[in-house]
Amino acid sequence: MNNTVKTILMVAGIVLLIYGIYTLIAPEASISVGPLNVEAQDNTNSYITIGLGIVALVASFLGGKKA
């Protein structure tokens, strides 16, 4: 595999991992009324993003090794 493709896959994998972890941690919506604080999250897409990031990183490290 070409070195440029490996580099692009590695950078894309790292960016996808960071974005997936950020969306997993950061709340989407929050409401604060007096002492009551309610936060809502939908983490379905963040798991998919993290998985794609891991696949891209693995492909960048294992792709095209010559024997």
Protein backbone atom coordinates (compact mmCIF):
# COMPACT_ATOMS: atom_id res chain seq x y z
CA MET A 1 0.00 0.00 0.00
CA ASN A 2 1.22 3.47 -0.85
CA ASN A 3 2.65 5.56 2.01
CA THR A 4 0.28 8.43 1.24
CA VAL A 5 -2.75 6.15 1.56
CA LYS A 6 -1.42 4.81 4.87
CA THR A 7 -0.90 8.34 6.17
CA ILE A 8 -4.38 9.45 5.09
CA LEU A 9 -5.95 6.39 6.74
CA MET A 10 -4.00 7.02 9.95
CA VAL A 11 -4.98 10.70 10.13
CA ALA A 12 -8.63 9.89 9.32
CA GLY A 13 -8.65 7.16 11.97
CA ILE A 14 -7.27 9.46 14.64
CA VAL A 15 -9.73 12.24 13.75
CA LEU A 16 -12.67 9.80 13.79
CA LEU A 17 -11.61 8.41 17.18
CA ILE A 18 -11.26 11.86 18.72
CA TYR A 19 -14.60 13.02 17.30
CA GLY A 20 -16.35 9.82 18.42
CA ILE A 21 -15.03 10.09 21.96
CA TYR A 22 -15.98 13.78 22.09
CA THR A 23 -19.56 13.07 20.99
CA LEU A 24 -19.74 10.20 23.48
CA ILE A 25 -18.76 12.43 26.40
CA ALA A 26 -20.34 15.81 25.55
CA PRO A 27 -24.08 16.13 26.28
CA GLU A 28 -26.33 17.03 23.35
CA ALA A 29 -28.94 18.95 25.30
CA SER A 30 -29.27 20.12 28.88
CA ILE A 31 -32.00 21.87 30.82
CA SER A 32 -31.44 23.57 34.14
CA VAL A 33 -34.42 24.71 36.23
CA GLY A 34 -33.44 25.74 39.73
CA PRO A 35 -31.74 22.80 41.45
CA LEU A 36 -32.96 20.39 38.75
CA ASN A 37 -30.49 19.62 35.92
CA VAL A 38 -31.42 17.27 33.06
CA GLU A 39 -29.04 16.15 30.29
CA ALA A 40 -29.91 14.06 27.22
CA GLN A 41 -27.54 12.04 25.06
CA ASP A 42 -27.85 9.78 22.02
CA ASN A 43 -24.61 7.79 21.73
CA THR A 44 -25.52 5.55 18.79
CA ASN A 45 -23.58 7.50 16.17
CA SER A 46 -20.53 7.94 18.39
CA TYR A 47 -20.04 4.17 18.67
CA ILE A 48 -20.15 3.88 14.88
CA THR A 49 -17.64 6.73 14.52
CA ILE A 50 -15.26 5.14 17.04
CA GLY A 51 -15.54 1.79 15.23
CA LEU A 52 -14.75 3.37 11.86
CA GLY A 53 -11.76 5.12 13.39
CA ILE A 54 -10.40 1.86 14.76
CA VAL A 55 -10.91 0.12 11.40
CA ALA A 56 -9.08 2.95 9.59
CA LEU A 57 -6.15 2.77 12.03
CA VAL A 58 -5.88 -1.01 11.75
CA ALA A 59 -6.01 -0.76 7.95
CA SER A 60 -3.25 1.84 7.97
CA PHE A 61 -0.96 -0.35 10.08
CA LEU A 62 -1.68 -3.73 8.47
CA GLY A 63 -2.47 -2.78 4.89
CA GLY A 64 -0.06 -3.88 2.19
CA LYS A 65 2.73 -5.48 4.18
CA LYS A 66 5.09 -7.41 1.92
CA ALA A 67 6.32 -10.85 2.94
